[in-house]
């Protein structure tokens, strides 16, 4: 039996979690931090920004790929698939 992939991919969950991580960074910045702690929070925020950018790219690629997955194709009616195939040849 083939493994079932999660219907809600992890990279979507991660995108939601990034907001939580950013909120935590804001709470840390509101506290009285030492210079070393402030530097660490700044590095953390830079890493979060990079992670958000990479995650957005992954989501864009996943959305593009999802249009051609076997599940998407099998969910379409035969008539719809036939019309798409004919239009592709034009």
N, C-alpha and C. Protein backbone atom coordinates (compact mmCIF):
# COMPACT_ATOMS: atom_id res chain seq x y z
N UNK A 1 0.84 -1.18 0.00
CA UNK A 1 0.00 0.00 0.00
C UNK A 1 0.89 1.25 0.00
N UNK A 2 0.52 2.21 -0.82
CA UNK A 2 1.28 3.45 -0.93
C UNK A 2 1.01 4.32 0.29
N UNK A 3 2.04 5.04 0.79
CA UNK A 3 1.82 5.92 1.94
C UNK A 3 0.93 7.09 1.55
N UNK A 4 0.10 7.52 2.47
CA UNK A 4 -0.76 8.68 2.24
C UNK A 4 -0.03 9.93 2.70
N UNK A 5 0.03 10.91 1.85
CA UNK A 5 0.65 12.18 2.22
C UNK A 5 -0.36 12.99 3.00
N UNK A 6 0.11 13.81 3.92
CA UNK A 6 -0.84 14.63 4.69
C UNK A 6 -1.58 15.60 3.77
N UNK A 7 -2.84 15.78 4.05
CA UNK A 7 -3.63 16.73 3.25
C UNK A 7 -3.22 18.17 3.52
N UNK A 8 -2.65 18.41 4.67
CA UNK A 8 -2.20 19.76 5.04
C UNK A 8 -0.69 19.69 5.22
N UNK A 9 0.07 20.00 4.16
CA UNK A 9 1.51 19.84 4.21
C UNK A 9 2.17 20.65 5.33
N UNK A 10 3.29 20.13 5.78
CA UNK A 10 4.02 20.73 6.89
C UNK A 10 4.43 22.16 6.59
N UNK A 11 4.80 22.47 5.33
CA UNK A 11 5.25 23.82 5.02
C UNK A 11 4.14 24.85 5.21
N UNK A 12 2.88 24.43 5.12
CA UNK A 12 1.78 25.36 5.42
C UNK A 12 1.68 25.60 6.92
N UNK A 13 1.85 24.54 7.69
CA UNK A 13 1.86 24.70 9.14
C UNK A 13 3.01 25.60 9.56
N UNK A 14 4.15 25.41 8.92
CA UNK A 14 5.32 26.22 9.25
C UNK A 14 5.05 27.69 8.97
N UNK A 15 4.37 28.00 7.89
CA UNK A 15 4.05 29.39 7.57
C UNK A 15 3.22 30.02 8.69
N UNK A 16 2.28 29.25 9.23
CA UNK A 16 1.46 29.75 10.35
C UNK A 16 2.32 29.93 11.60
N UNK A 17 3.26 29.02 11.81
CA UNK A 17 4.12 29.10 12.99
C UNK A 17 5.06 30.30 12.95
N UNK A 18 5.42 30.75 11.78
CA UNK A 18 6.34 31.88 11.67
C UNK A 18 5.77 33.12 12.36
N UNK A 19 4.48 33.31 12.28
CA UNK A 19 3.85 34.44 12.96
C UNK A 19 4.02 34.31 14.47
N UNK A 20 3.86 33.10 14.98
CA UNK A 20 4.07 32.87 16.42
C UNK A 20 5.51 33.19 16.81
N UNK A 21 6.47 32.76 15.97
CA UNK A 21 7.87 33.01 16.26
C UNK A 21 8.18 34.52 16.24
N UNK A 22 7.57 35.23 15.30
CA UNK A 22 7.77 36.68 15.23
C UNK A 22 7.16 37.38 16.44
N UNK A 23 6.01 36.90 16.87
CA UNK A 23 5.39 37.47 18.08
C UNK A 23 6.29 37.26 19.29
N UNK A 24 6.91 36.09 19.38
CA UNK A 24 7.82 35.83 20.49
C UNK A 24 9.01 36.77 20.44
N UNK A 25 9.55 37.00 19.26
CA UNK A 25 10.68 37.93 19.13
C UNK A 25 10.27 39.33 19.58
N UNK A 26 9.06 39.74 19.25
CA UNK A 26 8.58 41.06 19.68
C UNK A 26 8.47 41.13 21.20
N UNK A 27 8.04 40.04 21.84
CA UNK A 27 7.97 40.03 23.31
C UNK A 27 9.37 40.13 23.91
N UNK A 28 10.32 39.42 23.31
CA UNK A 28 11.69 39.50 23.81
C UNK A 28 12.24 40.92 23.68
N UNK A 29 11.95 41.56 22.53
CA UNK A 29 12.46 42.91 22.31
C UNK A 29 11.85 43.91 23.28
N UNK A 30 10.64 43.65 23.75
CA UNK A 30 9.98 44.55 24.69
C UNK A 30 10.58 44.44 26.09
N UNK A 31 11.30 43.36 26.35
CA UNK A 31 11.94 43.17 27.65
C UNK A 31 13.25 43.93 27.70
N UNK A 32 13.79 44.04 28.87
CA UNK A 32 15.09 44.70 29.05
C UNK A 32 16.18 43.67 28.74
N UNK A 33 16.80 43.81 27.58
CA UNK A 33 17.78 42.83 27.12
C UNK A 33 19.20 43.35 27.27
N UNK A 34 20.11 42.41 27.49
CA UNK A 34 21.53 42.78 27.45
C UNK A 34 21.91 42.94 25.98
N UNK A 35 23.09 43.47 25.76
CA UNK A 35 23.57 43.65 24.39
C UNK A 35 23.67 42.30 23.68
N UNK A 36 24.15 41.29 24.39
CA UNK A 36 24.29 39.95 23.78
C UNK A 36 22.92 39.37 23.45
N UNK A 37 21.95 39.57 24.34
CA UNK A 37 20.60 39.07 24.09
C UNK A 37 19.96 39.79 22.91
N UNK A 38 20.17 41.11 22.82
CA UNK A 38 19.63 41.88 21.69
C UNK A 38 20.22 41.40 20.38
N UNK A 39 21.53 41.12 20.38
CA UNK A 39 22.19 40.60 19.19
C UNK A 39 21.60 39.26 18.79
N UNK A 40 21.35 38.41 19.78
CA UNK A 40 20.77 37.09 19.51
C UNK A 40 19.36 37.23 18.94
N UNK A 41 18.57 38.15 19.48
CA UNK A 41 17.21 38.36 18.97
C UNK A 41 17.26 38.91 17.54
N UNK A 42 18.20 39.81 17.27
CA UNK A 42 18.35 40.35 15.92
C UNK A 42 18.70 39.23 14.92
N UNK A 43 19.59 38.34 15.33
CA UNK A 43 19.96 37.21 14.47
C UNK A 43 18.77 36.28 14.26
N UNK A 44 18.01 36.07 15.31
CA UNK A 44 16.80 35.24 15.25
C UNK A 44 15.80 35.83 14.25
N UNK A 45 15.60 37.14 14.33
CA UNK A 45 14.67 37.80 13.40
C UNK A 45 15.17 37.72 11.97
N UNK A 46 16.46 37.85 11.76
CA UNK A 46 17.02 37.73 10.40
C UNK A 46 16.80 36.32 9.86
N UNK A 47 17.00 35.33 10.72
CA UNK A 47 16.77 33.94 10.30
C UNK A 47 15.29 33.71 9.99
N UNK A 48 14.40 34.30 10.79
CA UNK A 48 12.97 34.17 10.53
C UNK A 48 12.58 34.80 9.19
N UNK A 49 13.16 35.95 8.89
CA UNK A 49 12.86 36.61 7.61
C UNK A 49 13.31 35.73 6.44
N UNK A 50 14.48 35.14 6.58
CA UNK A 50 14.98 34.25 5.52
C UNK A 50 14.09 33.01 5.41
N UNK A 51 13.69 32.45 6.55
CA UNK A 51 12.82 31.28 6.55
C UNK A 51 11.47 31.60 5.92
N UNK A 52 10.92 32.78 6.22
CA UNK A 52 9.64 33.17 5.62
C UNK A 52 9.76 33.26 4.10
N UNK A 53 10.85 33.84 3.62
CA UNK A 53 11.06 33.96 2.17
C UNK A 53 11.17 32.57 1.52
N UNK A 54 11.94 31.69 2.12
CA UNK A 54 12.09 30.34 1.58
C UNK A 54 10.78 29.57 1.63
N UNK A 55 10.05 29.73 2.73
CA UNK A 55 8.78 29.04 2.86
C UNK A 55 7.78 29.53 1.81
N UNK A 56 7.77 30.83 1.53
CA UNK A 56 6.90 31.37 0.49
C UNK A 56 7.24 30.75 -0.87
N UNK A 57 8.52 30.58 -1.14
CA UNK A 57 8.94 29.96 -2.39
C UNK A 57 8.48 28.51 -2.46
N UNK A 58 8.60 27.79 -1.36
CA UNK A 58 8.16 26.39 -1.31
C UNK A 58 6.65 26.31 -1.55
N UNK A 59 5.89 27.20 -0.91
CA UNK A 59 4.43 27.20 -1.10
C UNK A 59 4.05 27.50 -2.54
N UNK A 60 4.78 28.40 -3.19
CA UNK A 60 4.50 28.72 -4.59
C UNK A 60 4.77 27.52 -5.49
N UNK A 61 5.87 26.84 -5.26
CA UNK A 61 6.19 25.66 -6.05
C UNK A 61 5.18 24.55 -5.78
N UNK A 62 4.81 24.36 -4.52
CA UNK A 62 3.83 23.32 -4.17
C UNK A 62 2.49 23.59 -4.83
N UNK A 63 2.08 24.84 -4.88
CA UNK A 63 0.81 25.18 -5.53
C UNK A 63 0.87 24.89 -7.02
N UNK A 64 2.01 25.17 -7.63
CA UNK A 64 2.17 24.90 -9.06
C UNK A 64 2.16 23.40 -9.34
N UNK A 65 2.85 22.65 -8.51
CA UNK A 65 2.92 21.20 -8.69
C UNK A 65 1.55 20.55 -8.44
N UNK A 66 0.81 21.08 -7.48
CA UNK A 66 -0.47 20.49 -7.09
C UNK A 66 -1.45 20.43 -8.25
N UNK A 67 -1.30 21.32 -9.22
CA UNK A 67 -2.22 21.33 -10.36
C UNK A 67 -2.07 20.08 -11.22
N UNK A 68 -0.93 19.39 -11.12
CA UNK A 68 -0.70 18.24 -11.97
C UNK A 68 -0.56 16.92 -11.23
N UNK A 69 -0.91 16.91 -9.95
CA UNK A 69 -0.78 15.65 -9.21
C UNK A 69 -1.85 14.67 -9.65
N UNK A 70 -1.59 13.41 -9.40
CA UNK A 70 -2.53 12.36 -9.80
C UNK A 70 -3.87 12.55 -9.11
N UNK A 71 -3.86 13.01 -7.85
CA UNK A 71 -5.12 13.24 -7.15
C UNK A 71 -5.96 14.31 -7.84
N UNK A 72 -5.30 15.36 -8.32
CA UNK A 72 -6.01 16.44 -9.01
C UNK A 72 -6.59 15.93 -10.32
N UNK A 73 -5.81 15.15 -11.05
CA UNK A 73 -6.26 14.62 -12.34
C UNK A 73 -7.42 13.65 -12.13
N UNK A 74 -7.30 12.76 -11.16
CA UNK A 74 -8.36 11.78 -10.92
C UNK A 74 -9.65 12.42 -10.42
N UNK A 75 -9.56 13.59 -9.82
CA UNK A 75 -10.76 14.26 -9.32
C UNK A 75 -11.57 14.92 -10.44
N UNK A 76 -10.96 15.06 -11.62
CA UNK A 76 -11.65 15.70 -12.73
C UNK A 76 -12.53 14.70 -13.48
N UNK A 77 -13.57 15.23 -14.09
CA UNK A 77 -14.46 14.41 -14.91
C UNK A 77 -13.75 14.06 -16.22
N UNK A 78 -14.13 12.95 -16.81
CA UNK A 78 -13.52 12.51 -18.07
C UNK A 78 -13.67 13.57 -19.16
N UNK A 79 -14.84 14.19 -19.22
CA UNK A 79 -15.09 15.23 -20.22
C UNK A 79 -14.12 16.39 -20.03
N UNK A 80 -13.94 16.81 -18.79
CA UNK A 80 -13.03 17.92 -18.50
C UNK A 80 -11.60 17.57 -18.92
N UNK A 81 -11.16 16.35 -18.61
CA UNK A 81 -9.82 15.93 -19.00
C UNK A 81 -9.67 15.87 -20.52
N UNK A 82 -10.70 15.41 -21.20
CA UNK A 82 -10.66 15.35 -22.65
C UNK A 82 -10.56 16.73 -23.28
N UNK A 83 -11.33 17.65 -22.77
CA UNK A 83 -11.29 19.03 -23.30
C UNK A 83 -9.91 19.64 -23.05
N UNK A 84 -9.36 19.44 -21.86
CA UNK A 84 -8.02 19.96 -21.56
C UNK A 84 -6.97 19.37 -22.50
N UNK A 85 -7.08 18.08 -22.78
CA UNK A 85 -6.13 17.44 -23.68
C UNK A 85 -6.24 18.00 -25.09
N UNK A 86 -7.46 18.22 -25.55
CA UNK A 86 -7.65 18.80 -26.90
C UNK A 86 -7.12 20.22 -26.97
N UNK A 87 -7.40 21.00 -25.95
CA UNK A 87 -6.94 22.39 -25.94
C UNK A 87 -5.41 22.49 -25.85
N UNK A 88 -4.80 21.53 -25.19
CA UNK A 88 -3.35 21.51 -25.07
C UNK A 88 -2.69 21.33 -26.42
N UNK A 89 -3.34 20.57 -27.31
CA UNK A 89 -2.79 20.31 -28.64
C UNK A 89 -2.96 21.47 -29.60
N UNK A 90 -3.81 22.42 -29.27
CA UNK A 90 -4.04 23.57 -30.15
C UNK A 90 -2.99 24.55 -30.00
